[in-house]
Amino acid sequence: MTEAPAKKQNLIQKLQEKIPDKEEQFEYIGLGVRLILLVWATLMLSLSYLDLSKLGIPQQKIDPTFIASIFVSISASFGANIQQKGEKNGAGSKKSVKEELQEALGDVELIGFKHKVELVPVKTKIDPISGKEIDLQSGRLKP
């Protein structure tokens, strides 16, 4: 008796044979798709910064923002925490949130009630040109 030649199996059939659980199969397929996308995003980001005109390939104007967002998202799905290096507040100042708000809002006192923040004006503002009082809600001059 002659045996029939073994049929070639594709990747999905091999996966089904080795892992009978459907949920686990989907996990492996999902992992494979994420890895392929991560390699693609890494390749595209790298190519966007290389000067390939010396090799005879015309330079393409690619905005890497979208590809970088895909790269960061997929990397985060693997547990990587990718943040831009540098100082927190741009100028390197070690100000608290309250100090930054105080600087941005000017002469306004911050009063906090558990989870509610209310802005209370400390003093009225006077328009330097007309000398009239400014309404703090609308920003218009009071009559």
N, C-alpha and C. Protein backbone atom coordinates (compact mmCIF):
# COMPACT_ATOMS: atom_id res chain seq x y z
N MET A 1 0.82 -1.18 0.00
CA MET A 1 0.00 0.00 0.00
C MET A 1 0.87 1.23 0.00
N THR A 2 0.43 2.15 -0.78
CA THR A 2 1.15 3.43 -0.82
C THR A 2 0.33 4.46 -0.05
N GLU A 3 1.06 5.27 0.68
CA GLU A 3 0.39 6.32 1.45
C GLU A 3 0.22 7.55 0.57
N ALA A 4 -0.88 8.22 0.79
CA ALA A 4 -1.14 9.45 0.04
C ALA A 4 -0.17 10.52 0.53
N PRO A 5 0.35 11.33 -0.39
CA PRO A 5 1.27 12.37 0.04
C PRO A 5 0.56 13.34 1.00
N ALA A 6 1.30 13.78 2.00
CA ALA A 6 0.74 14.69 2.99
C ALA A 6 0.36 16.02 2.33
N LYS A 7 -0.81 16.46 2.66
CA LYS A 7 -1.29 17.72 2.10
C LYS A 7 -0.57 18.89 2.78
N LYS A 8 -0.17 19.86 2.01
CA LYS A 8 0.47 21.03 2.60
C LYS A 8 -0.56 21.83 3.39
N GLN A 9 -0.17 22.22 4.57
CA GLN A 9 -1.05 22.99 5.43
C GLN A 9 -0.64 24.46 5.41
N ASN A 10 -1.65 25.31 5.41
CA ASN A 10 -1.33 26.73 5.50
C ASN A 10 -1.14 27.12 6.97
N LEU A 11 -0.81 28.34 7.22
CA LEU A 11 -0.48 28.83 8.56
C LEU A 11 -1.66 28.68 9.52
N ILE A 12 -2.87 28.97 9.07
CA ILE A 12 -4.05 28.89 9.94
C ILE A 12 -4.34 27.44 10.31
N GLN A 13 -4.18 26.52 9.37
CA GLN A 13 -4.41 25.10 9.66
C GLN A 13 -3.38 24.58 10.66
N LYS A 14 -2.13 25.01 10.53
CA LYS A 14 -1.10 24.61 11.48
C LYS A 14 -1.42 25.15 12.87
N LEU A 15 -1.90 26.40 12.92
CA LEU A 15 -2.26 27.01 14.20
C LEU A 15 -3.43 26.27 14.84
N GLN A 16 -4.43 25.90 14.04
CA GLN A 16 -5.58 25.17 14.56
C GLN A 16 -5.17 23.78 15.07
N GLU A 17 -4.21 23.19 14.42
CA GLU A 17 -3.75 21.86 14.82
C GLU A 17 -3.01 21.92 16.15
N LYS A 18 -2.16 22.94 16.33
CA LYS A 18 -1.35 23.04 17.54
C LYS A 18 -2.13 23.62 18.71
N ILE A 19 -3.06 24.54 18.45
CA ILE A 19 -3.82 25.19 19.51
C ILE A 19 -5.30 25.00 19.23
N PRO A 20 -5.95 24.08 19.93
CA PRO A 20 -7.36 23.81 19.64
C PRO A 20 -8.33 24.89 20.16
N ASP A 21 -7.93 25.66 21.17
CA ASP A 21 -8.82 26.67 21.75
C ASP A 21 -8.94 27.87 20.81
N LYS A 22 -10.19 28.23 20.45
CA LYS A 22 -10.43 29.34 19.50
C LYS A 22 -9.95 30.68 20.06
N GLU A 23 -10.22 30.95 21.35
CA GLU A 23 -9.83 32.23 21.93
C GLU A 23 -8.32 32.39 21.92
N GLU A 24 -7.61 31.33 22.21
CA GLU A 24 -6.15 31.39 22.20
C GLU A 24 -5.63 31.58 20.78
N GLN A 25 -6.31 31.00 19.81
CA GLN A 25 -5.93 31.19 18.41
C GLN A 25 -6.06 32.66 18.03
N PHE A 26 -7.18 33.30 18.45
CA PHE A 26 -7.37 34.72 18.15
C PHE A 26 -6.30 35.58 18.82
N GLU A 27 -5.87 35.19 20.04
CA GLU A 27 -4.81 35.93 20.71
C GLU A 27 -3.51 35.87 19.90
N TYR A 28 -3.18 34.69 19.40
CA TYR A 28 -1.95 34.56 18.60
C TYR A 28 -2.05 35.32 17.28
N ILE A 29 -3.21 35.27 16.65
CA ILE A 29 -3.40 36.02 15.40
C ILE A 29 -3.31 37.52 15.67
N GLY A 30 -3.93 37.96 16.75
CA GLY A 30 -3.86 39.38 17.11
C GLY A 30 -2.44 39.82 17.41
N LEU A 31 -1.69 38.96 18.10
CA LEU A 31 -0.29 39.26 18.38
C LEU A 31 0.51 39.39 17.09
N GLY A 32 0.25 38.46 16.15
CA GLY A 32 0.95 38.51 14.86
C GLY A 32 0.64 39.77 14.08
N VAL A 33 -0.63 40.18 14.08
CA VAL A 33 -1.03 41.41 13.36
C VAL A 33 -0.36 42.62 14.00
N ARG A 34 -0.35 42.67 15.34
CA ARG A 34 0.29 43.81 16.02
C ARG A 34 1.78 43.86 15.73
N LEU A 35 2.44 42.68 15.70
CA LEU A 35 3.87 42.65 15.40
C LEU A 35 4.15 43.12 13.98
N ILE A 36 3.32 42.68 13.03
CA ILE A 36 3.50 43.11 11.63
C ILE A 36 3.32 44.63 11.52
N LEU A 37 2.29 45.17 12.18
CA LEU A 37 2.06 46.62 12.15
C LEU A 37 3.20 47.38 12.82
N LEU A 38 3.73 46.84 13.92
CA LEU A 38 4.85 47.49 14.61
C LEU A 38 6.09 47.53 13.72
N VAL A 39 6.37 46.43 13.04
CA VAL A 39 7.52 46.40 12.11
C VAL A 39 7.29 47.37 10.97
N TRP A 40 6.06 47.41 10.42
CA TRP A 40 5.75 48.33 9.32
C TRP A 40 5.92 49.78 9.76
N ALA A 41 5.37 50.13 10.94
CA ALA A 41 5.47 51.51 11.42
C ALA A 41 6.93 51.89 11.67
N THR A 42 7.71 50.97 12.24
CA THR A 42 9.13 51.24 12.48
C THR A 42 9.86 51.46 11.16
N LEU A 43 9.58 50.65 10.18
CA LEU A 43 10.21 50.77 8.86
C LEU A 43 9.83 52.10 8.19
N MET A 44 8.54 52.44 8.23
CA MET A 44 8.09 53.69 7.60
C MET A 44 8.67 54.91 8.29
N LEU A 45 8.73 54.89 9.62
CA LEU A 45 9.34 56.01 10.35
C LEU A 45 10.82 56.15 10.00
N SER A 46 11.50 55.03 9.94
CA SER A 46 12.93 55.06 9.60
C SER A 46 13.14 55.58 8.18
N LEU A 47 12.32 55.11 7.24
CA LEU A 47 12.46 55.56 5.85
C LEU A 47 12.11 57.02 5.67
N SER A 48 11.20 57.54 6.50
CA SER A 48 10.83 58.94 6.35
C SER A 48 11.96 59.89 6.74
N TYR A 49 12.92 59.40 7.55
CA TYR A 49 14.04 60.23 7.98
C TYR A 49 15.32 59.99 7.18
N LEU A 50 15.33 58.98 6.33
CA LEU A 50 16.52 58.69 5.54
C LEU A 50 16.49 59.46 4.22
N ASP A 51 17.66 59.85 3.76
CA ASP A 51 17.78 60.51 2.46
C ASP A 51 18.13 59.44 1.43
N LEU A 52 17.11 59.00 0.68
CA LEU A 52 17.31 57.93 -0.28
C LEU A 52 17.60 58.44 -1.69
N SER A 53 17.72 59.75 -1.84
CA SER A 53 17.97 60.30 -3.17
C SER A 53 19.37 59.92 -3.68
N LYS A 54 20.29 59.61 -2.76
CA LYS A 54 21.63 59.20 -3.17
C LYS A 54 21.63 57.81 -3.80
N LEU A 55 20.59 57.03 -3.50
CA LEU A 55 20.47 55.70 -4.07
C LEU A 55 19.64 55.68 -5.35
N GLY A 56 19.20 56.84 -5.78
CA GLY A 56 18.41 56.93 -7.00
C GLY A 56 16.91 56.86 -6.76
N ILE A 57 16.52 56.80 -5.49
CA ILE A 57 15.08 56.76 -5.16
C ILE A 57 14.65 58.19 -4.86
N PRO A 58 13.62 58.69 -5.54
CA PRO A 58 13.22 60.08 -5.31
C PRO A 58 12.72 60.28 -3.87
N GLN A 59 13.05 61.44 -3.32
CA GLN A 59 12.67 61.78 -1.94
C GLN A 59 11.17 61.99 -1.85
N GLN A 60 10.54 61.31 -0.92
CA GLN A 60 9.10 61.45 -0.71
C GLN A 60 8.86 62.36 0.48
N LYS A 61 7.88 63.22 0.38
CA LYS A 61 7.51 64.10 1.48
C LYS A 61 6.41 63.40 2.28
N ILE A 62 6.81 62.73 3.36
CA ILE A 62 5.87 61.99 4.19
C ILE A 62 5.77 62.67 5.55
N ASP A 63 4.54 62.89 5.99
CA ASP A 63 4.33 63.41 7.34
C ASP A 63 4.31 62.23 8.29
N PRO A 64 5.30 62.10 9.16
CA PRO A 64 5.41 60.91 10.00
C PRO A 64 4.49 60.92 11.22
N THR A 65 3.64 61.92 11.36
CA THR A 65 2.81 62.04 12.56
C THR A 65 1.86 60.86 12.71
N PHE A 66 1.16 60.50 11.64
CA PHE A 66 0.21 59.39 11.69
C PHE A 66 0.92 58.08 11.99
N ILE A 67 2.04 57.86 11.31
CA ILE A 67 2.79 56.62 11.51
C ILE A 67 3.34 56.57 12.94
N ALA A 68 3.78 57.71 13.44
CA ALA A 68 4.30 57.75 14.82
C ALA A 68 3.19 57.45 15.82
N SER A 69 1.97 57.94 15.56
CA SER A 69 0.87 57.65 16.49
C SER A 69 0.53 56.16 16.48
N ILE A 70 0.59 55.52 15.31
CA ILE A 70 0.37 54.07 15.23
C ILE A 70 1.48 53.34 15.98
N PHE A 71 2.71 53.78 15.79
CA PHE A 71 3.86 53.16 16.46
C PHE A 71 3.71 53.24 17.98
N VAL A 72 3.35 54.42 18.49
CA VAL A 72 3.21 54.61 19.93
C VAL A 72 2.05 53.78 20.47
N SER A 73 0.94 53.75 19.74
CA SER A 73 -0.23 52.98 20.19
C SER A 73 0.08 51.49 20.26
N ILE A 74 0.70 50.96 19.22
CA ILE A 74 1.02 49.53 19.21
C ILE A 74 2.07 49.22 20.26
N SER A 75 3.04 50.09 20.42
CA SER A 75 4.05 49.87 21.46
C SER A 75 3.40 49.87 22.84
N ALA A 76 2.43 50.76 23.05
CA ALA A 76 1.71 50.80 24.33
C ALA A 76 0.91 49.52 24.55
N SER A 77 0.40 48.92 23.47
CA SER A 77 -0.34 47.67 23.63
C SER A 77 0.57 46.53 24.08
N PHE A 78 1.87 46.66 23.84
CA PHE A 78 2.83 45.68 24.33
C PHE A 78 3.37 46.06 25.71
N GLY A 79 2.94 47.20 26.24
CA GLY A 79 3.36 47.62 27.58
C GLY A 79 4.48 48.63 27.59
N ALA A 80 4.94 49.09 26.44
CA ALA A 80 6.01 50.09 26.40
C ALA A 80 5.42 51.47 26.67
N ASN A 81 6.13 52.27 27.46
CA ASN A 81 5.70 53.62 27.77
C ASN A 81 6.64 54.59 27.06
N ILE A 82 6.18 55.14 25.94
CA ILE A 82 7.02 56.01 25.13
C ILE A 82 6.59 57.45 25.37
N GLN A 83 7.51 58.25 25.91
CA GLN A 83 7.24 59.67 26.15
C GLN A 83 8.37 60.47 25.55
N GLN A 84 8.03 61.71 25.22
CA GLN A 84 9.04 62.59 24.66
C GLN A 84 10.00 63.00 25.77
N LYS A 85 11.28 62.91 25.48
CA LYS A 85 12.27 63.32 26.47
C LYS A 85 12.29 64.83 26.57
N GLY A 86 12.68 65.32 27.71
CA GLY A 86 12.75 66.77 27.89
C GLY A 86 12.14 67.14 29.22
N GLU A 87 12.06 68.42 29.43
CA GLU A 87 11.54 68.90 30.70
C GLU A 87 10.03 68.99 30.65
N LYS A 88 9.42 68.90 31.82
CA LYS A 88 7.97 68.87 31.91
C LYS A 88 7.30 70.14 31.39
N ASN A 89 7.72 71.27 31.90
CA ASN A 89 7.02 72.52 31.61
C ASN A 89 7.72 73.39 30.57
N GLY A 90 8.49 72.80 29.71
CA GLY A 90 9.13 73.56 28.64
C GLY A 90 10.33 74.35 29.13
N ALA A 91 10.13 75.28 30.04
CA ALA A 91 11.21 76.12 30.54
C ALA A 91 11.93 75.46 31.71
N GLY A 92 11.43 74.33 32.15
CA GLY A 92 12.09 73.62 33.23
C GLY A 92 11.70 74.12 34.60
N SER A 93 10.67 74.92 34.69
CA SER A 93 10.26 75.45 35.99
C SER A 93 9.55 74.37 36.78
N LYS A 94 9.75 74.37 38.07
CA LYS A 94 9.16 73.37 38.95
C LYS A 94 7.95 73.97 39.66
N LYS A 95 6.99 74.49 38.90
CA LYS A 95 5.80 75.12 39.47
C LYS A 95 4.71 74.08 39.66
N SER A 96 3.91 74.29 40.69
CA SER A 96 2.76 73.42 40.90
C SER A 96 1.64 73.86 39.97
N VAL A 97 0.61 73.04 39.89
CA VAL A 97 -0.53 73.36 39.04
C VAL A 97 -1.20 74.64 39.54
N LYS A 98 -1.29 74.78 40.86
CA LYS A 98 -1.92 75.97 41.43
C LYS A 98 -1.13 77.23 41.06
N GLU A 99 0.19 77.15 41.12
CA GLU A 99 1.02 78.31 40.76
C GLU A 99 0.88 78.66 39.28
N GLU A 100 0.81 77.64 38.42
CA GLU A 100 0.64 77.89 36.99
C GLU A 100 -0.71 78.53 36.70
N LEU A 101 -1.77 78.04 37.36
CA LEU A 101 -3.09 78.65 37.19
C LEU A 101 -3.11 80.08 37.70
N GLN A 102 -2.45 80.30 38.83
CA GLN A 102 -2.40 81.65 39.41
C GLN A 102 -1.71 82.60 38.43
N GLU A 103 -0.64 82.13 37.81
CA GLU A 103 0.09 82.96 36.85
C GLU A 103 -0.75 83.23 35.61
N ALA A 104 -1.45 82.22 35.14
CA ALA A 104 -2.25 82.38 33.93
C ALA A 104 -3.48 83.24 34.15
N LEU A 105 -4.11 83.12 35.31
CA LEU A 105 -5.35 83.84 35.57
C LEU A 105 -5.15 85.23 36.16
N GLY A 106 -3.96 85.50 36.65
CA GLY A 106 -3.70 86.83 37.19
C GLY A 106 -4.27 87.00 38.58
N ASP A 107 -5.00 88.08 38.82
CA ASP A 107 -5.52 88.42 40.14
C ASP A 107 -6.82 87.69 40.43
N VAL A 108 -6.78 86.39 40.47
CA VAL A 108 -7.96 85.59 40.77
C VAL A 108 -7.57 84.59 41.85
N GLU A 109 -8.40 84.49 42.87
CA GLU A 109 -8.12 83.57 43.96
C GLU A 109 -8.80 82.24 43.66
N LEU A 110 -8.07 81.14 43.85
CA LEU A 110 -8.63 79.82 43.62
C LEU A 110 -9.17 79.26 44.93
N ILE A 111 -10.45 78.92 44.93
CA ILE A 111 -11.07 78.33 46.11
C ILE A 111 -11.58 76.95 45.69
N GLY A 112 -11.10 75.91 46.36
CA GLY A 112 -11.49 74.56 45.99
C GLY A 112 -12.44 73.95 47.01
N PHE A 113 -13.49 73.30 46.54
CA PHE A 113 -14.44 72.57 47.38
C PHE A 113 -14.45 71.13 46.89
N LYS A 114 -13.70 70.27 47.54
CA LYS A 114 -13.54 68.87 47.17
C LYS A 114 -13.21 68.73 45.69
N HIS A 115 -14.20 68.57 44.82
CA HIS A 115 -13.93 68.37 43.39
C HIS A 115 -14.37 69.56 42.55
N LYS A 116 -14.77 70.63 43.19
CA LYS A 116 -15.27 71.79 42.44
C LYS A 116 -14.31 72.95 42.66
N VAL A 117 -13.93 73.61 41.58
CA VAL A 117 -13.05 74.77 41.67
C VAL A 117 -13.85 75.99 41.24
N GLU A 118 -13.80 77.02 42.05
CA GLU A 118 -14.54 78.23 41.76
C GLU A 118 -13.57 79.39 41.66
N LEU A 119 -13.74 80.24 40.68
CA LEU A 119 -12.87 81.40 40.50
C LEU A 119 -13.54 82.62 41.12
N VAL A 120 -12.82 83.24 42.04
CA VAL A 120 -13.35 84.42 42.72
C VAL A 120 -12.39 85.57 42.46
N PRO A 121 -12.85 86.67 41.86
CA PRO A 121 -11.94 87.79 41.59
C PRO A 121 -11.50 88.45 42.89
N VAL A 122 -10.20 88.74 42.97
CA VAL A 122 -9.64 89.37 44.15
C VAL A 122 -9.92 90.87 44.12
N LYS A 123 -9.73 91.48 43.00
CA LYS A 123 -10.01 92.91 42.87
C LYS A 123 -10.55 93.18 41.48
N THR A 124 -11.22 94.28 41.33
CA THR A 124 -11.77 94.64 40.02
C THR A 124 -10.65 95.16 39.14
N LYS A 125 -10.84 95.00 37.87
CA LYS A 125 -9.85 95.49 36.91
C LYS A 125 -10.36 96.79 36.29
N ILE A 126 -9.46 97.70 36.05
CA ILE A 126 -9.77 99.00 35.47
C ILE A 126 -9.09 99.10 34.11
N ASP A 127 -9.86 99.54 33.10
CA ASP A 127 -9.32 99.74 31.76
C ASP A 127 -8.36 100.92 31.81
N PRO A 128 -7.09 100.74 31.37
CA PRO A 128 -6.12 101.84 31.45
C PRO A 128 -6.42 103.00 30.51
N ILE A 129 -7.15 102.76 29.43
CA ILE A 129 -7.41 103.83 28.47
C ILE A 129 -8.59 104.68 28.91
N SER A 130 -9.72 104.03 29.21
CA SER A 130 -10.92 104.80 29.55
C SER A 130 -11.06 105.04 31.05
N GLY A 131 -10.38 104.24 31.86
CA GLY A 131 -10.48 104.40 33.31
C GLY A 131 -11.75 103.79 33.88
N LYS A 132 -12.51 103.06 33.05
CA LYS A 132 -13.75 102.44 33.53
C LYS A 132 -13.47 101.04 34.05
N GLU A 133 -14.40 100.56 34.90
CA GLU A 133 -14.28 99.23 35.46
C GLU A 133 -14.65 98.18 34.39
N ILE A 134 -13.94 97.04 34.41
CA ILE A 134 -14.17 95.97 33.45
C ILE A 134 -15.02 94.90 34.11
N ASP A 135 -16.10 94.47 33.41
CA ASP A 135 -16.92 93.37 33.89
C ASP A 135 -16.12 92.08 33.71
N LEU A 136 -15.87 91.36 34.81
CA LEU A 136 -15.01 90.19 34.76
C LEU A 136 -15.66 88.99 34.08
N GLN A 137 -16.97 88.96 34.01
CA GLN A 137 -17.65 87.86 33.33
C GLN A 137 -17.60 87.99 31.81
N SER A 138 -17.93 89.19 31.31
CA SER A 138 -18.00 89.38 29.87
C SER A 138 -16.74 89.99 29.27
N GLY A 139 -15.93 90.67 30.10
CA GLY A 139 -14.75 91.34 29.60
C GLY A 139 -15.04 92.70 29.00
N ARG A 140 -16.28 93.17 29.11
CA ARG A 140 -16.67 94.47 28.57
C ARG A 140 -16.59 95.53 29.64
N LEU A 141 -16.54 96.78 29.19
CA LEU A 141 -16.51 97.90 30.11
C LEU A 141 -17.87 98.11 30.73
N LYS A 142 -17.88 98.37 32.05
CA LYS A 142 -19.14 98.65 32.72
C LYS A 142 -19.49 100.12 32.47
N PRO A 143 -20.79 100.44 32.32
CA PRO A 143 -21.17 101.84 32.06
C PRO A 143 -21.00 102.73 33.27
